């Protein structure tokens, strides 16, 4: 079965590998040029396609008549999108007779939209998953072909959870792609009223509000820690402190939210519910500090100020 594939990121490679194993003929792969301003910690679809000697295109905007004509000329029977960053125009979705399908990193209809892995952690969910669904004009709104769930561990970060989702996506695609290929897949509509939609995130969304409960702050930290920009706060002297890792603990002494507390070499920040966050990996003014180095750093600051 001939396909044209739109793919990016590790999930893009996961989808491409699954199509290859399932015996699909890939007439072309569409991807993105890597952004030099972005921390590209993930695998390269470009490199994968070149190694497989599959024609590769990286247009700035695929939703243009010249690309409609190019894709139509390739005559795909089915189209797949695996973490391609742009919605595809109706003119593209209408080309393949067997339909166009997208892989999304949540259990639709929950967490439709952008950055589902980060949002799932921010919201403290204990379960998420992957969904293959038909593409329609509205984002992540088409009929569901298949889903598989993934438990979210307390210690998961966006990166570790993303790795779990890639593994589960590979298993799901191995099951469903033969059915799609043979035209026997069963689709079911989404109940969008029962779901949720979230937009994109920016570095500013990582700002910590110490009035929040300790667990809510922890969820933000693990959602945006490396390779993402990190959760941050601004200290009394105007210094930006990035909290790369911290763990919530039950109550410290009764102090205002946002107060720094030291116990020996350990350092904590007080949260709004009286709980606290044990600081384990931070960055201040470009200086990375871990574990006991953090308490020592703040002790030296106190001594310098007295």
C-alpha atoms as a PDB file:
ATOM      1  CA  UNK A   1       0.000   0.000   0.000  1.00  0.00           C
ATOM      2  CA  UNK A   2       1.488   3.324  -1.053  1.00  0.00           C
ATOM      3  CA  UNK A   3       1.698   6.144   1.473  1.00  0.00           C
ATOM      4  CA  UNK A   4       3.059   9.657   1.909  1.00  0.00           C
ATOM      5  CA  UNK A   5       4.225  10.323   5.462  1.00  0.00           C
ATOM      6  CA  UNK A   6       4.513  13.566   7.426  1.00  0.00           C
ATOM      7  CA  UNK A   7       6.858  13.019  10.361  1.00  0.00           C
ATOM      8  CA  UNK A   8       9.138  14.678  12.905  1.00  0.00           C
ATOM      9  CA  UNK A   9      10.808  13.911  16.228  1.00  0.00           C
ATOM     10  CA  UNK A  10      11.349  10.462  17.793  1.00  0.00           C
ATOM     11  CA  UNK A  11       7.673   9.668  17.382  1.00  0.00           C
ATOM     12  CA  UNK A  12       8.060  10.368  13.684  1.00  0.00           C
ATOM     13  CA  UNK A  13      10.832   7.773  13.458  1.00  0.00           C
ATOM     14  CA  UNK A  14       8.719   5.336  15.484  1.00  0.00           C
ATOM     15  CA  UNK A  15       5.895   5.698  12.953  1.00  0.00           C
ATOM     16  CA  UNK A  16       8.177   5.383   9.942  1.00  0.00           C
ATOM     17  CA  UNK A  17       9.783   2.227  11.310  1.00  0.00           C
ATOM     18  CA  UNK A  18       6.340   0.742  11.961  1.00  0.00           C
ATOM     19  CA  UNK A  19       5.248   1.451   8.382  1.00  0.00           C
ATOM     20  CA  UNK A  20       8.395  -0.179   7.042  1.00  0.00           C
ATOM     21  CA  UNK A  21       7.850  -3.299   9.156  1.00  0.00           C
ATOM     22  CA  UNK A  22       4.205  -3.456   8.037  1.00  0.00           C
ATOM     23  CA  UNK A  23       5.232  -3.413   4.368  1.00  0.00           C
ATOM     24  CA  UNK A  24       3.933   0.017   3.335  1.00  0.00           C
ATOM     25  CA  UNK A  25       5.563   1.651   0.324  1.00  0.00           C
ATOM     26  CA  UNK A  26       6.652   5.170   1.275  1.00  0.00           C
ATOM     27  CA  UNK A  27       6.546   7.369  -1.822  1.00  0.00           C
ATOM     28  CA  UNK A  28       7.849  10.392   0.119  1.00  0.00           C
ATOM     29  CA  UNK A  29       8.486  11.711   3.603  1.00  0.00           C
ATOM     30  CA  UNK A  30       7.710  15.307   4.571  1.00  0.00           C
ATOM     31  CA  UNK A  31       9.477  16.725   7.624  1.00  0.00           C
ATOM     32  CA  UNK A  32      10.850  19.994   9.049  1.00  0.00           C
ATOM     33  CA  UNK A  33      14.228  21.646   8.928  1.00  0.00           C
ATOM     34  CA  UNK A  34      15.703  21.630  12.438  1.00  0.00           C
ATOM     35  CA  UNK A  35      15.511  25.010  14.170  1.00  0.00           C
ATOM     36  CA  UNK A  36      19.049  26.136  15.222  1.00  0.00           C
ATOM     37  CA  UNK A  37      17.462  27.991  18.153  1.00  0.00           C
ATOM     38  CA  UNK A  38      15.849  24.795  19.463  1.00  0.00           C
ATOM     39  CA  UNK A  39      17.391  22.116  21.657  1.00  0.00           C
ATOM     40  CA  UNK A  40      17.043  19.231  19.185  1.00  0.00           C
ATOM     41  CA  UNK A  41      17.522  16.331  21.606  1.00  0.00           C
ATOM     42  CA  UNK A  42      15.467  13.948  19.469  1.00  0.00           C
ATOM     43  CA  UNK A  43      16.172  11.766  16.447  1.00  0.00           C
ATOM     44  CA  UNK A  44      16.307  13.107  12.884  1.00  0.00           C
ATOM     45  CA  UNK A  45      13.589  12.091  10.439  1.00  0.00           C
ATOM     46  CA  UNK A  46      15.715  13.664   7.720  1.00  0.00           C
ATOM     47  CA  UNK A  47      18.587  11.299   8.448  1.00  0.00           C
ATOM     48  CA  UNK A  48      16.263   8.290   8.648  1.00  0.00           C
ATOM     49  CA  UNK A  49      14.636   9.010   5.289  1.00  0.00           C
ATOM     50  CA  UNK A  50      17.982   9.611   3.613  1.00  0.00           C
ATOM     51  CA  UNK A  51      19.369   6.348   5.006  1.00  0.00           C
ATOM     52  CA  UNK A  52      16.309   4.527   3.658  1.00  0.00           C
ATOM     53  CA  UNK A  53      16.666   6.340   0.296  1.00  0.00           C
ATOM     54  CA  UNK A  54      13.121   7.685   0.486  1.00  0.00           C
ATOM     55  CA  UNK A  55      12.434  11.057  -1.196  1.00  0.00           C
ATOM     56  CA  UNK A  56      12.407  13.754   1.477  1.00  0.00           C
ATOM     57  CA  UNK A  57      10.860  17.231   1.437  1.00  0.00           C
ATOM     58  CA  UNK A  58      11.007  19.937   4.118  1.00  0.00           C
ATOM     59  CA  UNK A  59       8.883  22.834   2.863  1.00  0.00           C
ATOM     60  CA  UNK A  60       8.305  25.827   5.110  1.00  0.00           C
ATOM     61  CA  UNK A  61       4.591  25.603   4.315  1.00  0.00           C
ATOM     62  CA  UNK A  62       3.262  22.390   2.826  1.00  0.00           C
ATOM     63  CA  UNK A  63      -0.246  23.844   2.583  1.00  0.00           C
ATOM     64  CA  UNK A  64       0.354  25.482  -0.775  1.00  0.00           C
ATOM     65  CA  UNK A  65      -0.999  24.548  -4.250  1.00  0.00           C
ATOM     66  CA  UNK A  66       2.434  23.468  -5.503  1.00  0.00           C
ATOM     67  CA  UNK A  67       2.593  20.836  -2.766  1.00  0.00           C
ATOM     68  CA  UNK A  68      -1.030  19.788  -3.238  1.00  0.00           C
ATOM     69  CA  UNK A  69      -0.128  18.981  -6.828  1.00  0.00           C
ATOM     70  CA  UNK A  70       3.115  17.228  -5.867  1.00  0.00           C
ATOM     71  CA  UNK A  71       1.419  14.990  -3.312  1.00  0.00           C
ATOM     72  CA  UNK A  72      -1.477  14.209  -5.646  1.00  0.00           C
ATOM     73  CA  UNK A  73       1.037  13.205  -8.333  1.00  0.00           C
ATOM     74  CA  UNK A  74       2.579  10.730  -5.893  1.00  0.00           C
ATOM     75  CA  UNK A  75      -0.860   9.051  -5.733  1.00  0.00           C
ATOM     76  CA  UNK A  76      -0.785   7.866  -2.109  1.00  0.00           C
ATOM     77  CA  UNK A  77      -3.517   5.452  -1.124  1.00  0.00           C
ATOM     78  CA  UNK A  78      -3.224   6.547   2.511  1.00  0.00           C
ATOM     79  CA  UNK A  79      -1.460   9.360   4.396  1.00  0.00           C
ATOM     80  CA  UNK A  80       0.055   9.298   7.875  1.00  0.00           C
ATOM     81  CA  UNK A  81       1.187  12.108  10.167  1.00  0.00           C
ATOM     82  CA  UNK A  82       3.504  11.255  13.050  1.00  0.00           C
ATOM     83  CA  UNK A  83       4.206  14.368  15.137  1.00  0.00           C
ATOM     84  CA  UNK A  84       4.394  16.633  12.097  1.00  0.00           C
ATOM     85  CA  UNK A  85       4.045  20.103  13.556  1.00  0.00           C
ATOM     86  CA  UNK A  86       1.529  21.619  11.141  1.00  0.00           C
ATOM     87  CA  UNK A  87      -2.097  20.822  10.428  1.00  0.00           C
ATOM     88  CA  UNK A  88      -2.603  19.532   6.900  1.00  0.00           C
ATOM     89  CA  UNK A  89      -4.951  21.408   4.587  1.00  0.00           C
ATOM     90  CA  UNK A  90      -8.239  19.796   3.473  1.00  0.00           C
ATOM     91  CA  UNK A  91      -6.790  19.631  -0.054  1.00  0.00           C
ATOM     92  CA  UNK A  92      -4.120  17.214   1.210  1.00  0.00           C
ATOM     93  CA  UNK A  93      -6.465  15.204   3.414  1.00  0.00           C
ATOM     94  CA  UNK A  94      -8.769  14.625   0.433  1.00  0.00           C
ATOM     95  CA  UNK A  95      -6.063  13.052  -1.756  1.00  0.00           C
ATOM     96  CA  UNK A  96      -5.729   9.471  -0.428  1.00  0.00           C
ATOM     97  CA  UNK A  97      -8.768   7.228  -1.027  1.00  0.00           C
ATOM     98  CA  UNK A  98      -8.147   5.269   2.207  1.00  0.00           C
ATOM     99  CA  UNK A  99      -7.937   8.449   4.313  1.00  0.00           C
ATOM    100  CA  UNK A 100      -5.353  10.366   6.336  1.00  0.00           C
ATOM    101  CA  UNK A 101      -4.381   9.388   9.883  1.00  0.00           C
ATOM    102  CA  UNK A 102      -2.508  11.101  12.722  1.00  0.00           C
ATOM    103  CA  UNK A 103      -0.712   9.757  15.782  1.00  0.00           C
ATOM    104  CA  UNK A 104      -1.385  11.822  18.910  1.00  0.00           C
ATOM    105  CA  UNK A 105       0.315  11.531  22.305  1.00  0.00           C
ATOM    106  CA  UNK A 106      -2.722  11.317  24.573  1.00  0.00           C
ATOM    107  CA  UNK A 107      -5.879   9.299  25.099  1.00  0.00           C
ATOM    108  CA  UNK A 108      -8.194  11.318  22.896  1.00  0.00           C
ATOM    109  CA  UNK A 109     -10.477  13.141  23.301  1.00  0.00           C
ATOM    110  CA  UNK A 110      -8.490  14.200  26.402  1.00  0.00           C
ATOM    111  CA  UNK A 111      -5.546  16.548  25.852  1.00  0.00           C
ATOM    112  CA  UNK A 112      -6.252  17.427  22.266  1.00  0.00           C
ATOM    113  CA  UNK A 113      -3.985  20.138  20.877  1.00  0.00           C
ATOM    114  CA  UNK A 114      -0.367  20.997  21.594  1.00  0.00           C
ATOM    115  CA  UNK A 115       2.213  19.619  24.049  1.00  0.00           C
ATOM    116  CA  UNK A 116       0.068  16.792  25.478  1.00  0.00           C
ATOM    117  CA  UNK A 117       2.977  15.110  27.289  1.00  0.00           C
ATOM    118  CA  UNK A 118       3.879  18.307  29.152  1.00  0.00           C
ATOM    119  CA  UNK A 119       0.268  19.163  29.957  1.00  0.00           C
ATOM    120  CA  UNK A 120      -0.476  15.667  31.291  1.00  0.00           C
ATOM    121  CA  UNK A 121       2.349  16.092  33.817  1.00  0.00           C
ATOM    122  CA  UNK A 122       1.426  19.685  34.690  1.00  0.00           C
ATOM    123  CA  UNK A 123      -2.078  18.458  35.502  1.00  0.00           C
ATOM    124  CA  UNK A 124      -0.819  15.538  37.580  1.00  0.00           C
ATOM    125  CA  UNK A 125      -2.456  12.786  35.539  1.00  0.00           C
ATOM    126  CA  UNK A 126      -1.711   9.160  36.440  1.00  0.00           C
ATOM    127  CA  UNK A 127      -2.496   7.771  32.995  1.00  0.00           C
ATOM    128  CA  UNK A 128      -2.107   8.894  29.411  1.00  0.00           C
ATOM    129  CA  UNK A 129      -1.498   7.095  26.130  1.00  0.00           C
ATOM    130  CA  UNK A 130      -1.337   7.232  22.350  1.00  0.00           C
ATOM    131  CA  UNK A 131      -4.116   7.456  19.792  1.00  0.00           C
ATOM    132  CA  UNK A 132      -4.257   6.899  16.040  1.00  0.00           C
ATOM    133  CA  UNK A 133      -7.146   8.849  14.556  1.00  0.00           C
ATOM    134  CA  UNK A 134      -8.472  10.032  11.226  1.00  0.00           C
ATOM    135  CA  UNK A 135      -7.465  13.580  10.341  1.00  0.00           C
ATOM    136  CA  UNK A 136     -10.253  16.090   9.721  1.00  0.00           C
ATOM    137  CA  UNK A 137     -10.290  19.870   9.437  1.00  0.00           C
ATOM    138  CA  UNK A 138     -10.340  20.324  13.221  1.00  0.00           C
ATOM    139  CA  UNK A 139      -7.248  19.382  15.244  1.00  0.00           C
ATOM    140  CA  UNK A 140      -7.305  15.921  16.861  1.00  0.00           C
ATOM    141  CA  UNK A 141     -11.050  15.599  16.329  1.00  0.00           C
ATOM    142  CA  UNK A 142     -11.440  12.733  13.864  1.00  0.00           C
ATOM    143  CA  UNK A 143     -12.581   9.169  14.440  1.00  0.00           C
ATOM    144  CA  UNK A 144     -10.358   6.955  16.584  1.00  0.00           C
ATOM    145  CA  UNK A 145      -8.719   3.927  14.987  1.00  0.00           C
ATOM    146  CA  UNK A 146      -6.773   2.637  18.002  1.00  0.00           C
ATOM    147  CA  UNK A 147      -5.590   3.634  21.467  1.00  0.00           C
ATOM    148  CA  UNK A 148      -3.208   2.249  24.064  1.00  0.00           C
ATOM    149  CA  UNK A 149      -2.730   3.604  27.570  1.00  0.00           C
ATOM    150  CA  UNK A 150       0.511   4.317  29.449  1.00  0.00           C
ATOM    151  CA  UNK A 151       0.755   4.724  33.247  1.00  0.00           C
ATOM    152  CA  UNK A 152       2.401   7.920  34.452  1.00  0.00           C
ATOM    153  CA  UNK A 153       4.896   7.236  37.244  1.00  0.00           C
ATOM    154  CA  UNK A 154       5.375   9.761  40.029  1.00  0.00           C
ATOM    155  CA  UNK A 155       9.004  10.288  38.987  1.00  0.00           C
ATOM    156  CA  UNK A 156       8.288  10.617  35.257  1.00  0.00           C
ATOM    157  CA  UNK A 157       9.520  13.695  33.437  1.00  0.00           C
ATOM    158  CA  UNK A 158       8.342  14.811  30.007  1.00  0.00           C
ATOM    159  CA  UNK A 159      11.329  13.078  28.435  1.00  0.00           C
ATOM    160  CA  UNK A 160      10.877   9.748  30.213  1.00  0.00           C
ATOM    161  CA  UNK A 161       7.142   9.748  29.576  1.00  0.00           C
ATOM    162  CA  UNK A 162       7.703  10.592  25.908  1.00  0.00           C
ATOM    163  CA  UNK A 163       9.986   7.549  25.642  1.00  0.00           C
ATOM    164  CA  UNK A 164       7.267   5.337  27.112  1.00  0.00           C
ATOM    165  CA  UNK A 165       4.751   6.732  24.625  1.00  0.00           C
ATOM    166  CA  UNK A 166       7.066   5.992  21.692  1.00  0.00           C
ATOM    167  CA  UNK A 167       7.376   2.390  22.840  1.00  0.00           C
ATOM    168  CA  UNK A 168       3.619   2.020  23.236  1.00  0.00           C
ATOM    169  CA  UNK A 169       3.004   3.678  19.869  1.00  0.00           C
ATOM    170  CA  UNK A 170       5.249   1.088  18.206  1.00  0.00           C
ATOM    171  CA  UNK A 171       3.194  -1.716  19.774  1.00  0.00           C
ATOM    172  CA  UNK A 172      -0.118  -0.103  18.831  1.00  0.00           C
ATOM    173  CA  UNK A 173       0.920   0.515  15.219  1.00  0.00           C
ATOM    174  CA  UNK A 174       2.154  -3.073  14.881  1.00  0.00           C
ATOM    175  CA  UNK A 175      -1.386  -4.179  15.757  1.00  0.00           C
ATOM    176  CA  UNK A 176      -3.443  -1.678  13.774  1.00  0.00           C
ATOM    177  CA  UNK A 177      -1.466  -1.056  10.577  1.00  0.00           C
ATOM    178  CA  UNK A 178      -2.280  -4.470   9.032  1.00  0.00           C
ATOM    179  CA  UNK A 179      -5.983  -3.783   9.579  1.00  0.00           C
ATOM    180  CA  UNK A 180      -5.697  -0.358   7.940  1.00  0.00           C
ATOM    181  CA  UNK A 181      -3.752  -1.878   5.068  1.00  0.00           C
ATOM    182  CA  UNK A 182      -6.456  -4.463   4.484  1.00  0.00           C
ATOM    183  CA  UNK A 183      -9.344  -2.007   4.906  1.00  0.00           C
ATOM    184  CA  UNK A 184     -10.802  -3.768   7.958  1.00  0.00           C
ATOM    185  CA  UNK A 185     -10.023  -1.242  10.714  1.00  0.00           C
ATOM    186  CA  UNK A 186     -12.992  -0.186  12.819  1.00  0.00           C
ATOM    187  CA  UNK A 187     -13.282   3.537  13.574  1.00  0.00           C
ATOM    188  CA  UNK A 188     -15.288   5.137  16.351  1.00  0.00           C
ATOM    189  CA  UNK A 189     -16.236   8.802  16.741  1.00  0.00           C
ATOM    190  CA  UNK A 190     -14.839  10.961  19.509  1.00  0.00           C
ATOM    191  CA  UNK A 191     -17.026  12.598  22.126  1.00  0.00           C
ATOM    192  CA  UNK A 192     -15.323  15.989  22.075  1.00  0.00           C
ATOM    193  CA  UNK A 193     -17.565  17.302  24.839  1.00  0.00           C
ATOM    194  CA  UNK A 194     -16.041  14.728  27.188  1.00  0.00           C
ATOM    195  CA  UNK A 195     -12.474  15.669  26.298  1.00  0.00           C
ATOM    196  CA  UNK A 196     -10.164  18.636  26.721  1.00  0.00           C
ATOM    197  CA  UNK A 197      -8.019  20.906  24.567  1.00  0.00           C
ATOM    198  CA  UNK A 198      -4.729  22.615  25.467  1.00  0.00           C
ATOM    199  CA  UNK A 199      -2.636  25.094  23.504  1.00  0.00           C
ATOM    200  CA  UNK A 200       1.112  25.432  23.097  1.00  0.00           C
ATOM    201  CA  UNK A 201       3.477  26.301  25.930  1.00  0.00           C
ATOM    202  CA  UNK A 202       6.173  28.985  26.188  1.00  0.00           C
ATOM    203  CA  UNK A 203       9.180  29.289  28.551  1.00  0.00           C
ATOM    204  CA  UNK A 204       7.202  31.820  30.616  1.00  0.00           C
ATOM    205  CA  UNK A 205       4.705  29.055  31.432  1.00  0.00           C
ATOM    206  CA  UNK A 206       7.467  27.537  33.558  1.00  0.00           C
ATOM    207  CA  UNK A 207       7.277  30.342  36.157  1.00  0.00           C
ATOM    208  CA  UNK A 208       6.675  28.879  39.630  1.00  0.00           C
ATOM    209  CA  UNK A 209       3.961  30.319  41.857  1.00  0.00           C
ATOM    210  CA  UNK A 210       5.017  29.401  45.388  1.00  0.00           C
ATOM    211  CA  UNK A 211       1.449  29.906  46.589  1.00  0.00           C
ATOM    212  CA  UNK A 212       0.598  26.645  44.838  1.00  0.00           C
ATOM    213  CA  UNK A 213       0.609  23.365  46.785  1.00  0.00           C
ATOM    214  CA  UNK A 214       3.960  21.556  46.822  1.00  0.00           C
ATOM    215  CA  UNK A 215       2.667  18.724  44.608  1.00  0.00           C
ATOM    216  CA  UNK A 216       1.431  21.160  41.956  1.00  0.00           C
ATOM    217  CA  UNK A 217       4.841  22.852  41.868  1.00  0.00           C
ATOM    218  CA  UNK A 218       6.543  19.461  41.556  1.00  0.00           C
ATOM    219  CA  UNK A 219       4.299  18.568  38.623  1.00  0.00           C
ATOM    220  CA  UNK A 220       5.342  21.744  36.832  1.00  0.00           C
ATOM    221  CA  UNK A 221       9.037  21.069  37.516  1.00  0.00           C
ATOM    222  CA  UNK A 222       8.937  17.546  36.054  1.00  0.00           C
ATOM    223  CA  UNK A 223       6.841  18.672  33.115  1.00  0.00           C
ATOM    224  CA  UNK A 224       9.399  21.210  31.908  1.00  0.00           C
ATOM    225  CA  UNK A 225      12.744  19.986  33.195  1.00  0.00           C
ATOM    226  CA  UNK A 226      15.490  19.110  30.700  1.00  0.00           C
ATOM    227  CA  UNK A 227      15.423  18.984  27.736  1.00  0.00           C
ATOM    228  CA  UNK A 228      12.742  21.684  28.113  1.00  0.00           C
ATOM    229  CA  UNK A 229      13.511  25.227  29.379  1.00  0.00           C
ATOM    230  CA  UNK A 230      12.832  24.430  33.046  1.00  0.00           C
ATOM    231  CA  UNK A 231      10.654  25.758  35.871  1.00  0.00           C
ATOM    232  CA  UNK A 232      11.968  28.973  37.354  1.00  0.00           C
ATOM    233  CA  UNK A 233      11.557  31.630  39.998  1.00  0.00           C
ATOM    234  CA  UNK A 234      13.135  35.022  40.654  1.00  0.00           C
ATOM    235  CA  UNK A 235      14.996  35.432  43.927  1.00  0.00           C
ATOM    236  CA  UNK A 236      14.926  38.489  46.154  1.00  0.00           C
ATOM    237  CA  UNK A 237      17.938  40.066  44.441  1.00  0.00           C
ATOM    238  CA  UNK A 238      16.389  39.627  41.012  1.00  0.00           C
ATOM    239  CA  UNK A 239      18.367  36.507  40.125  1.00  0.00           C
ATOM    240  CA  UNK A 240      16.613  33.872  38.045  1.00  0.00           C
ATOM    241  CA  UNK A 241      16.767  30.424  39.605  1.00  0.00           C
ATOM    242  CA  UNK A 242      15.875  27.457  37.378  1.00  0.00           C
ATOM    243  CA  UNK A 243      14.695  24.458  39.372  1.00  0.00           C
ATOM    244  CA  UNK A 244      15.723  21.451  37.296  1.00  0.00           C
ATOM    245  CA  UNK A 245      14.706  18.986  39.985  1.00  0.00           C
ATOM    246  CA  UNK A 246      13.086  19.091  43.410  1.00  0.00           C
ATOM    247  CA  UNK A 247      10.933  16.725  45.422  1.00  0.00           C
ATOM    248  CA  UNK A 248       7.884  17.587  47.541  1.00  0.00           C
ATOM    249  CA  UNK A 249       7.933  16.898  51.255  1.00  0.00           C
ATOM    250  CA  UNK A 250       5.413  17.299  54.017  1.00  0.00           C
ATOM    251  CA  UNK A 251       5.456  20.521  56.003  1.00  0.00           C
ATOM    252  CA  UNK A 252       8.434  22.463  57.090  1.00  0.00           C
ATOM    253  CA  UNK A 253       8.275  25.205  59.652  1.00  0.00           C
ATOM    254  CA  UNK A 254       5.435  27.691  59.338  1.00  0.00           C
ATOM    255  CA  UNK A 255       6.911  30.293  57.019  1.00  0.00           C
ATOM    256  CA  UNK A 256       5.497  32.299  54.097  1.00  0.00           C
ATOM    257  CA  UNK A 257       5.277  30.633  50.686  1.00  0.00           C
ATOM    258  CA  UNK A 258       8.418  31.212  48.638  1.00  0.00           C
ATOM    259  CA  UNK A 259      10.706  31.327  51.692  1.00  0.00           C
ATOM    260  CA  UNK A 260      14.053  29.519  51.444  1.00  0.00           C
ATOM    261  CA  UNK A 261      14.694  27.122  54.328  1.00  0.00           C
ATOM    262  CA  UNK A 262      17.968  25.351  55.157  1.00  0.00           C
ATOM    263  CA  UNK A 263      18.634  22.243  57.220  1.00  0.00           C
ATOM    264  CA  UNK A 264      22.314  21.374  57.255  1.00  0.00           C
ATOM    265  CA  UNK A 265      23.383  20.996  53.624  1.00  0.00           C
ATOM    266  CA  UNK A 266      19.787  20.653  52.413  1.00  0.00           C
ATOM    267  CA  UNK A 267      17.787  23.570  51.001  1.00  0.00           C
ATOM    268  CA  UNK A 268      14.018  23.835  50.649  1.00  0.00           C
ATOM    269  CA  UNK A 269      11.417  26.242  49.278  1.00  0.00           C
ATOM    270  CA  UNK A 270       8.157  26.613  51.175  1.00  0.00           C
ATOM    271  CA  UNK A 271       4.948  26.058  49.185  1.00  0.00           C
ATOM    272  CA  UNK A 272       1.517  27.571  49.684  1.00  0.00           C
ATOM    273  CA  UNK A 273       0.030  24.540  51.445  1.00  0.00           C
ATOM    274  CA  UNK A 274       2.772  24.455  54.086  1.00  0.00           C
ATOM    275  CA  UNK A 275       4.599  21.693  52.258  1.00  0.00           C
ATOM    276  CA  UNK A 276       8.019  22.288  50.808  1.00  0.00           C
ATOM    277  CA  UNK A 277      10.250  21.360  47.876  1.00  0.00           C
ATOM    278  CA  UNK A 278      13.693  19.880  48.559  1.00  0.00           C
ATOM    279  CA  UNK A 279      15.974  21.530  45.986  1.00  0.00           C
ATOM    280  CA  UNK A 280      18.139  18.883  44.309  1.00  0.00           C
ATOM    281  CA  UNK A 281      19.281  20.438  41.029  1.00  0.00           C
ATOM    282  CA  UNK A 282      19.172  24.185  40.329  1.00  0.00           C
ATOM    283  CA  UNK A 283      20.835  26.808  38.176  1.00  0.00           C
ATOM    284  CA  UNK A 284      21.521  30.410  39.223  1.00  0.00           C
ATOM    285  CA  UNK A 285      23.203  32.917  36.949  1.00  0.00           C
ATOM    286  CA  UNK A 286      24.412  30.088  34.715  1.00  0.00           C
ATOM    287  CA  UNK A 287      25.909  28.129  37.646  1.00  0.00           C
ATOM    288  CA  UNK A 288      24.609  24.573  38.079  1.00  0.00           C
ATOM    289  CA  UNK A 289      24.304  23.322  41.670  1.00  0.00           C
ATOM    290  CA  UNK A 290      23.228  19.910  42.914  1.00  0.00           C
ATOM    291  CA  UNK A 291      22.314  18.396  46.300  1.00  0.00           C
ATOM    292  CA  UNK A 292      24.612  19.647  49.098  1.00  0.00           C
ATOM    293  CA  UNK A 293      26.134  22.314  46.864  1.00  0.00           C
ATOM    294  CA  UNK A 294      22.788  24.131  47.009  1.00  0.00           C
ATOM    295  CA  UNK A 295      22.692  24.479  50.801  1.00  0.00           C
ATOM    296  CA  UNK A 296      26.345  25.524  50.819  1.00  0.00           C
ATOM    297  CA  UNK A 297      25.686  28.165  48.152  1.00  0.00           C
ATOM    298  CA  UNK A 298      22.886  29.763  50.132  1.00  0.00           C
ATOM    299  CA  UNK A 299      24.873  29.578  53.370  1.00  0.00           C
ATOM    300  CA  UNK A 300      27.704  31.496  51.697  1.00  0.00           C
ATOM    301  CA  UNK A 301      25.186  34.073  50.488  1.00  0.00           C
ATOM    302  CA  UNK A 302      23.933  34.576  54.039  1.00  0.00           C
ATOM    303  CA  UNK A 303      27.480  34.968  55.295  1.00  0.00           C
ATOM    304  CA  UNK A 304      28.308  37.456  52.537  1.00  0.00           C
ATOM    305  CA  UNK A 305      25.289  39.554  53.473  1.00  0.00           C
ATOM    306  CA  UNK A 306      26.132  39.717  57.190  1.00  0.00           C
END
